[in-house]
Amino acid sequence: MQRRAFLGGIAAIAATGLAGCSATTNSSYFASAYAGMSDGEYTLPKIPVSKVPAEFRRQVVDYDTPHKPGTIIVDTPNRHLYLVQEDGKALRYGIGVGRDGFRWSGTARVGWKRKWPTWTPPEPMIRRQPELAKYRGGMEPGLHNPLGARALYLMRGGRDTGYRLHGTPQWQSIGKAVSSGCIRLMNQDVVDLYNRVEPGAKVVVLQG
């Protein structure tokens, strides 16, 4: 949801990790993935999963990639995020990506992660949307916060890129190009990803 300057000169890596990818739905395993859930002082509402296209629901897929297990691969064109697993598998999540003019590609690392994060719009966003100036000091966590229930903060070269992998209360936006560069997941999915990923994990974002 933030800066565009990151990785402007990085070459496209669209072919990385995609060869041989085919979906194998494991719907029974994730049958209750989108139920309402208590999470600290908040209760995430149930997502009407029947209204979410099947390709954007969490599932295990076959995934042929040279990247090591634990790597996150963001397939911007197809609106999927893959968490690489052992034995040629990956856990796939549906995502929302940057809209035209705000997409980026390259590699980063998960610097740190937060439960129920505060959202602080960057100055360029406030200039585009002056009504956000009231959140210059940060928007309190909660069910309506744009970062949702979790955020993983991306770094490169020891610096915060300004980009996040984060949740969203707007489950209808998954599969669409809607953000200012950040990658969004349904709240239940970002909670699941948060629990599986540690700081330092490699993140590969494919060109959209």
C-alpha atoms as a PDB file:
ATOM      1  CA  MET A   1       0.000   0.000   0.000  1.00  0.00           C
ATOM      2  CA  GLN A   2       3.022   2.177  -0.041  1.00  0.00           C
ATOM      3  CA  ARG A   3       6.127   3.419  -1.867  1.00  0.00           C
ATOM      4  CA  ARG A   4       6.864   2.716  -5.548  1.00  0.00           C
ATOM      5  CA  ALA A   5      10.592   3.412  -5.488  1.00  0.00           C
ATOM      6  CA  PHE A   6      11.644  -0.057  -4.335  1.00  0.00           C
ATOM      7  CA  LEU A   7      13.549  -2.201  -6.832  1.00  0.00           C
ATOM      8  CA  GLY A   8      12.966   0.090  -9.782  1.00  0.00           C
ATOM      9  CA  GLY A   9      16.045  -1.210 -11.572  1.00  0.00           C
ATOM     10  CA  ILE A  10      15.617  -4.911 -10.845  1.00  0.00           C
ATOM     11  CA  ALA A  11      15.286  -7.086 -13.949  1.00  0.00           C
ATOM     12  CA  ALA A  12      12.068  -9.004 -14.395  1.00  0.00           C
ATOM     13  CA  ILE A  13      12.104 -12.540 -13.108  1.00  0.00           C
ATOM     14  CA  ALA A  14       8.743 -13.697 -14.375  1.00  0.00           C
ATOM     15  CA  ALA A  15       9.973 -17.163 -15.305  1.00  0.00           C
ATOM     16  CA  THR A  16      11.291 -17.907 -11.825  1.00  0.00           C
ATOM     17  CA  GLY A  17       9.585 -20.750 -10.049  1.00  0.00           C
ATOM     18  CA  LEU A  18       6.559 -21.106 -12.327  1.00  0.00           C
ATOM     19  CA  ALA A  19       7.486 -24.007 -14.593  1.00  0.00           C
ATOM     20  CA  GLY A  20       5.462 -27.118 -13.956  1.00  0.00           C
ATOM     21  CA  CYS A  21       2.958 -25.544 -11.587  1.00  0.00           C
ATOM     22  CA  SER A  22      -0.378 -27.337 -11.467  1.00  0.00           C
ATOM     23  CA  ALA A  23      -3.148 -27.137  -8.911  1.00  0.00           C
ATOM     24  CA  THR A  24      -4.171 -30.056  -6.742  1.00  0.00           C
ATOM     25  CA  THR A  25      -6.996 -28.867  -4.527  1.00  0.00           C
ATOM     26  CA  ASN A  26      -7.073 -30.171  -0.976  1.00  0.00           C
ATOM     27  CA  SER A  27     -10.449 -28.673  -0.157  1.00  0.00           C
ATOM     28  CA  SER A  28     -11.298 -31.019   2.726  1.00  0.00           C
ATOM     29  CA  TYR A  29      -8.168 -29.991   4.635  1.00  0.00           C
ATOM     30  CA  PHE A  30      -9.136 -26.325   4.428  1.00  0.00           C
ATOM     31  CA  ALA A  31     -12.890 -26.782   4.641  1.00  0.00           C
ATOM     32  CA  SER A  32     -13.157 -24.572   7.739  1.00  0.00           C
ATOM     33  CA  ALA A  33     -10.333 -22.187   6.833  1.00  0.00           C
ATOM     34  CA  TYR A  34     -12.644 -19.208   6.410  1.00  0.00           C
ATOM     35  CA  ALA A  35     -14.895 -19.621   9.421  1.00  0.00           C
ATOM     36  CA  GLY A  36     -15.161 -16.830  11.950  1.00  0.00           C
ATOM     37  CA  MET A  37     -12.348 -16.953  14.471  1.00  0.00           C
ATOM     38  CA  SER A  38     -11.451 -15.348  17.766  1.00  0.00           C
ATOM     39  CA  ASP A  39      -8.066 -13.646  17.592  1.00  0.00           C
ATOM     40  CA  GLY A  40      -7.023 -11.873  20.748  1.00  0.00           C
ATOM     41  CA  GLU A  41      -9.417  -9.005  21.429  1.00  0.00           C
ATOM     42  CA  TYR A  42     -10.920  -9.246  17.947  1.00  0.00           C
ATOM     43  CA  THR A  43     -13.200 -11.714  16.202  1.00  0.00           C
ATOM     44  CA  LEU A  44     -12.621 -12.149  12.498  1.00  0.00           C
ATOM     45  CA  PRO A  45     -15.945 -12.479  10.680  1.00  0.00           C
ATOM     46  CA  LYS A  46     -16.705 -15.523   8.572  1.00  0.00           C
ATOM     47  CA  ILE A  47     -15.829 -15.138   4.894  1.00  0.00           C
ATOM     48  CA  PRO A  48     -18.593 -16.330   2.529  1.00  0.00           C
ATOM     49  CA  VAL A  49     -16.225 -18.714   0.807  1.00  0.00           C
ATOM     50  CA  SER A  50     -18.779 -19.730  -1.818  1.00  0.00           C
ATOM     51  CA  LYS A  51     -18.422 -16.212  -3.214  1.00  0.00           C
ATOM     52  CA  VAL A  52     -14.626 -16.517  -3.478  1.00  0.00           C
ATOM     53  CA  PRO A  53     -13.477 -18.135  -6.747  1.00  0.00           C
ATOM     54  CA  ALA A  54     -12.022 -21.576  -6.033  1.00  0.00           C
ATOM     55  CA  GLU A  55      -8.643 -20.628  -7.489  1.00  0.00           C
ATOM     56  CA  PHE A  56      -8.210 -17.981  -4.774  1.00  0.00           C
ATOM     57  CA  ARG A  57      -9.011 -20.228  -1.827  1.00  0.00           C
ATOM     58  CA  ARG A  58      -6.132 -21.642   0.197  1.00  0.00           C
ATOM     59  CA  GLN A  59      -4.988 -24.991  -1.179  1.00  0.00           C
ATOM     60  CA  VAL A  60      -2.018 -27.313  -1.605  1.00  0.00           C
ATOM     61  CA  VAL A  61      -0.716 -27.504  -5.180  1.00  0.00           C
ATOM     62  CA  ASP A  62       2.062 -29.206  -7.099  1.00  0.00           C
ATOM     63  CA  TYR A  63       4.786 -26.631  -7.619  1.00  0.00           C
ATOM     64  CA  ASP A  64       8.076 -27.181  -9.433  1.00  0.00           C
ATOM     65  CA  THR A  65      10.572 -24.496  -8.419  1.00  0.00           C
ATOM     66  CA  PRO A  66      14.305 -24.193  -7.685  1.00  0.00           C
ATOM     67  CA  HIS A  67      13.535 -22.141  -4.577  1.00  0.00           C
ATOM     68  CA  LYS A  68      13.952 -23.697  -1.143  1.00  0.00           C
ATOM     69  CA  PRO A  69      11.044 -24.612   1.140  1.00  0.00           C
ATOM     70  CA  GLY A  70       9.990 -21.585   3.144  1.00  0.00           C
ATOM     71  CA  THR A  71      10.389 -19.206   0.203  1.00  0.00           C
ATOM     72  CA  ILE A  72       7.426 -16.991  -0.628  1.00  0.00           C
ATOM     73  CA  ILE A  73       6.748 -16.462  -4.335  1.00  0.00           C
ATOM     74  CA  VAL A  74       4.261 -13.800  -5.366  1.00  0.00           C
ATOM     75  CA  ASP A  75       2.820 -14.588  -8.798  1.00  0.00           C
ATOM     76  CA  THR A  76       1.524 -11.129  -9.601  1.00  0.00           C
ATOM     77  CA  PRO A  77      -0.020 -11.898 -13.028  1.00  0.00           C
ATOM     78  CA  ASN A  78      -2.090 -14.807 -11.704  1.00  0.00           C
ATOM     79  CA  ARG A  79      -2.897 -13.270  -8.301  1.00  0.00           C
ATOM     80  CA  HIS A  80      -1.402 -16.121  -6.276  1.00  0.00           C
ATOM     81  CA  LEU A  81       1.081 -16.304  -3.432  1.00  0.00           C
ATOM     82  CA  TYR A  82       3.001 -19.568  -2.998  1.00  0.00           C
ATOM     83  CA  LEU A  83       4.708 -20.743   0.164  1.00  0.00           C
ATOM     84  CA  VAL A  84       7.150 -23.378  -1.083  1.00  0.00           C
ATOM     85  CA  GLN A  85       6.937 -26.736   0.736  1.00  0.00           C
ATOM     86  CA  GLU A  86       8.889 -29.984   0.606  1.00  0.00           C
ATOM     87  CA  ASP A  87       8.433 -32.652  -2.087  1.00  0.00           C
ATOM     88  CA  GLY A  88       7.409 -30.410  -4.974  1.00  0.00           C
ATOM     89  CA  LYS A  89       4.431 -28.879  -3.208  1.00  0.00           C
ATOM     90  CA  ALA A  90       3.387 -25.373  -2.242  1.00  0.00           C
ATOM     91  CA  LEU A  91       0.647 -23.810  -0.195  1.00  0.00           C
ATOM     92  CA  ARG A  92      -1.189 -21.380  -2.466  1.00  0.00           C
ATOM     93  CA  TYR A  93      -3.198 -18.348  -1.396  1.00  0.00           C
ATOM     94  CA  GLY A  94      -5.238 -15.873  -3.421  1.00  0.00           C
ATOM     95  CA  ILE A  95      -4.004 -12.289  -3.298  1.00  0.00           C
ATOM     96  CA  GLY A  96      -4.763  -8.741  -4.356  1.00  0.00           C
ATOM     97  CA  VAL A  97      -1.888  -6.886  -6.028  1.00  0.00           C
ATOM     98  CA  GLY A  98      -0.834  -3.379  -6.993  1.00  0.00           C
ATOM     99  CA  ARG A  99      -2.925  -1.530  -9.532  1.00  0.00           C
ATOM    100  CA  ASP A 100      -1.458  -0.170 -12.749  1.00  0.00           C
ATOM    101  CA  GLY A 101       1.539   2.034 -12.062  1.00  0.00           C
ATOM    102  CA  PHE A 102       2.125   0.609  -8.582  1.00  0.00           C
ATOM    103  CA  ARG A 103       3.345  -2.929  -9.285  1.00  0.00           C
ATOM    104  CA  TRP A 104       6.901  -3.978  -8.622  1.00  0.00           C
ATOM    105  CA  SER A 105       9.087  -7.052  -8.942  1.00  0.00           C
ATOM    106  CA  GLY A 106      12.285  -8.378  -7.392  1.00  0.00           C
ATOM    107  CA  THR A 107      13.436 -10.033  -4.197  1.00  0.00           C
ATOM    108  CA  ALA A 108      13.190  -9.064  -0.559  1.00  0.00           C
ATOM    109  CA  ARG A 109      13.209 -10.625   2.903  1.00  0.00           C
ATOM    110  CA  VAL A 110      10.653 -10.655   5.672  1.00  0.00           C
ATOM    111  CA  GLY A 111      12.185  -8.194   8.110  1.00  0.00           C
ATOM    112  CA  TRP A 112       9.641  -8.496  10.888  1.00  0.00           C
ATOM    113  CA  LYS A 113       5.989  -9.266  11.378  1.00  0.00           C
ATOM    114  CA  ARG A 114       3.162  -7.889  13.490  1.00  0.00           C
ATOM    115  CA  LYS A 115      -0.194  -9.036  14.807  1.00  0.00           C
ATOM    116  CA  TRP A 116      -2.955  -6.464  14.370  1.00  0.00           C
ATOM    117  CA  PRO A 117      -0.600  -3.806  13.017  1.00  0.00           C
ATOM    118  CA  THR A 118      -0.984  -0.057  12.955  1.00  0.00           C
ATOM    119  CA  TRP A 119      -1.332   1.416   9.466  1.00  0.00           C
ATOM    120  CA  THR A 120       0.513   4.633   8.632  1.00  0.00           C
ATOM    121  CA  PRO A 121      -0.092   5.967   5.120  1.00  0.00           C
ATOM    122  CA  PRO A 122       3.097   7.322   3.493  1.00  0.00           C
ATOM    123  CA  GLU A 123       3.294  10.952   2.469  1.00  0.00           C
ATOM    124  CA  PRO A 124       2.870  10.258  -1.292  1.00  0.00           C
ATOM    125  CA  MET A 125      -0.413   8.495  -0.526  1.00  0.00           C
ATOM    126  CA  ILE A 126      -1.580  11.366   1.666  1.00  0.00           C
ATOM    127  CA  ARG A 127      -0.814  13.798  -1.153  1.00  0.00           C
ATOM    128  CA  ARG A 128      -2.962  11.704  -3.495  1.00  0.00           C
ATOM    129  CA  GLN A 129      -5.689  11.254  -0.881  1.00  0.00           C
ATOM    130  CA  PRO A 130      -5.665  14.252   1.505  1.00  0.00           C
ATOM    131  CA  GLU A 131      -8.471  12.719   3.561  1.00  0.00           C
ATOM    132  CA  LEU A 132      -5.894  10.247   4.919  1.00  0.00           C
ATOM    133  CA  ALA A 133      -3.924  13.027   6.643  1.00  0.00           C
ATOM    134  CA  LYS A 134      -5.746  12.233   9.879  1.00  0.00           C
ATOM    135  CA  TYR A 135      -3.858   8.921   9.945  1.00  0.00           C
ATOM    136  CA  ARG A 136      -0.422  10.492   9.536  1.00  0.00           C
ATOM    137  CA  GLY A 137       0.354   9.387  13.086  1.00  0.00           C
ATOM    138  CA  GLY A 138      -1.022   5.908  12.442  1.00  0.00           C
ATOM    139  CA  MET A 139      -4.436   4.238  12.307  1.00  0.00           C
ATOM    140  CA  GLU A 140      -5.200   2.056  15.283  1.00  0.00           C
ATOM    141  CA  PRO A 141      -5.422  -1.713  14.748  1.00  0.00           C
ATOM    142  CA  GLY A 142      -8.841  -3.210  14.257  1.00  0.00           C
ATOM    143  CA  LEU A 143     -11.282  -4.945  11.963  1.00  0.00           C
ATOM    144  CA  HIS A 144     -11.380  -1.976   9.572  1.00  0.00           C
ATOM    145  CA  ASN A 145      -7.642  -1.288   9.474  1.00  0.00           C
ATOM    146  CA  PRO A 146      -6.322  -1.658   5.879  1.00  0.00           C
ATOM    147  CA  LEU A 147      -3.483  -3.941   7.045  1.00  0.00           C
ATOM    148  CA  GLY A 148      -5.917  -6.406   8.530  1.00  0.00           C
ATOM    149  CA  ALA A 149      -5.049  -8.990  11.149  1.00  0.00           C
ATOM    150  CA  ARG A 150      -1.351  -9.462  10.308  1.00  0.00           C
ATOM    151  CA  ALA A 151       1.460  -7.803   8.385  1.00  0.00           C
ATOM    152  CA  LEU A 152       4.834  -9.103   7.218  1.00  0.00           C
ATOM    153  CA  TYR A 153       7.226  -6.214   6.537  1.00  0.00           C
ATOM    154  CA  LEU A 154       9.569  -6.536   3.583  1.00  0.00           C
ATOM    155  CA  MET A 155      13.171  -5.390   3.670  1.00  0.00           C
ATOM    156  CA  ARG A 156      16.045  -5.219   1.206  1.00  0.00           C
ATOM    157  CA  GLY A 157      19.646  -4.342   1.978  1.00  0.00           C
ATOM    158  CA  GLY A 158      18.735  -3.750   5.612  1.00  0.00           C
ATOM    159  CA  ARG A 159      16.118  -1.128   4.721  1.00  0.00           C
ATOM    160  CA  ASP A 160      12.342  -1.150   4.932  1.00  0.00           C
ATOM    161  CA  THR A 161      10.965  -1.267   1.398  1.00  0.00           C
ATOM    162  CA  GLY A 162       7.628   0.209   2.433  1.00  0.00           C
ATOM    163  CA  TYR A 163       5.869  -2.885   1.088  1.00  0.00           C
ATOM    164  CA  ARG A 164       3.918  -5.415   3.142  1.00  0.00           C
ATOM    165  CA  LEU A 165       2.268  -8.784   2.857  1.00  0.00           C
ATOM    166  CA  HIS A 166      -0.853  -8.110   4.865  1.00  0.00           C
ATOM    167  CA  GLY A 167      -4.438  -8.985   5.565  1.00  0.00           C
ATOM    168  CA  THR A 168      -7.501  -7.116   4.442  1.00  0.00           C
ATOM    169  CA  PRO A 169     -11.102  -6.868   5.601  1.00  0.00           C
ATOM    170  CA  GLN A 170     -12.041  -6.514   1.915  1.00  0.00           C
ATOM    171  CA  TRP A 171     -12.122 -10.169   0.898  1.00  0.00           C
ATOM    172  CA  GLN A 172     -13.905  -9.163  -2.337  1.00  0.00           C
ATOM    173  CA  SER A 173     -10.669  -7.501  -3.522  1.00  0.00           C
ATOM    174  CA  ILE A 174      -8.730 -10.772  -3.695  1.00  0.00           C
ATOM    175  CA  GLY A 175      -7.833 -11.597  -7.289  1.00  0.00           C
ATOM    176  CA  LYS A 176      -7.845  -7.936  -8.291  1.00  0.00           C
ATOM    177  CA  ALA A 177      -5.282  -5.175  -8.836  1.00  0.00           C
ATOM    178  CA  VAL A 178      -6.281  -2.738  -6.126  1.00  0.00           C
ATOM    179  CA  SER A 179      -3.386  -1.683  -3.900  1.00  0.00           C
ATOM    180  CA  SER A 180      -0.554   0.851  -4.001  1.00  0.00           C
ATOM    181  CA  GLY A 181       2.002  -1.946  -4.235  1.00  0.00           C
ATOM    182  CA  CYS A 182       1.454  -4.101  -1.164  1.00  0.00           C
ATOM    183  CA  ILE A 183       0.213  -7.684  -1.427  1.00  0.00           C
ATOM    184  CA  ARG A 184      -3.017  -8.422   0.399  1.00  0.00           C
ATOM    185  CA  LEU A 185      -4.564 -11.704   1.537  1.00  0.00           C
ATOM    186  CA  MET A 186      -7.850 -12.563   3.179  1.00  0.00           C
ATOM    187  CA  ASN A 187      -7.475 -12.152   6.933  1.00  0.00           C
ATOM    188  CA  GLN A 188      -7.793 -15.867   7.682  1.00  0.00           C
ATOM    189  CA  ASP A 189      -5.114 -16.566   5.079  1.00  0.00           C
ATOM    190  CA  VAL A 190      -2.664 -13.977   6.366  1.00  0.00           C
ATOM    191  CA  VAL A 191      -3.029 -15.406   9.885  1.00  0.00           C
ATOM    192  CA  ASP A 192      -2.149 -18.827   8.472  1.00  0.00           C
ATOM    193  CA  LEU A 193       0.823 -17.446   6.502  1.00  0.00           C
ATOM    194  CA  TYR A 194       2.047 -15.473   9.522  1.00  0.00           C
ATOM    195  CA  ASN A 195       2.132 -18.653  11.608  1.00  0.00           C
ATOM    196  CA  ARG A 196       4.216 -20.493   8.990  1.00  0.00           C
ATOM    197  CA  VAL A 197       6.792 -17.829   8.065  1.00  0.00           C
ATOM    198  CA  GLU A 198       9.694 -16.512  10.119  1.00  0.00           C
ATOM    199  CA  PRO A 199      11.649 -13.257   9.750  1.00  0.00           C
ATOM    200  CA  GLY A 200      14.401 -13.691   7.183  1.00  0.00           C
ATOM    201  CA  ALA A 201      12.254 -15.667   4.757  1.00  0.00           C
ATOM    202  CA  LYS A 202      12.985 -14.906   1.110  1.00  0.00           C
ATOM    203  CA  VAL A 203      10.238 -13.237  -0.910  1.00  0.00           C
ATOM    204  CA  VAL A 204      10.285 -13.329  -4.728  1.00  0.00           C
ATOM    205  CA  VAL A 205       7.826 -11.049  -6.518  1.00  0.00           C
ATOM    206  CA  LEU A 206       7.275 -11.863 -10.171  1.00  0.00           C
ATOM    207  CA  GLN A 207       6.667  -9.119 -12.696  1.00  0.00           C
ATOM    208  CA  GLY A 208       3.023  -8.361 -13.347  1.00  0.00           C
END
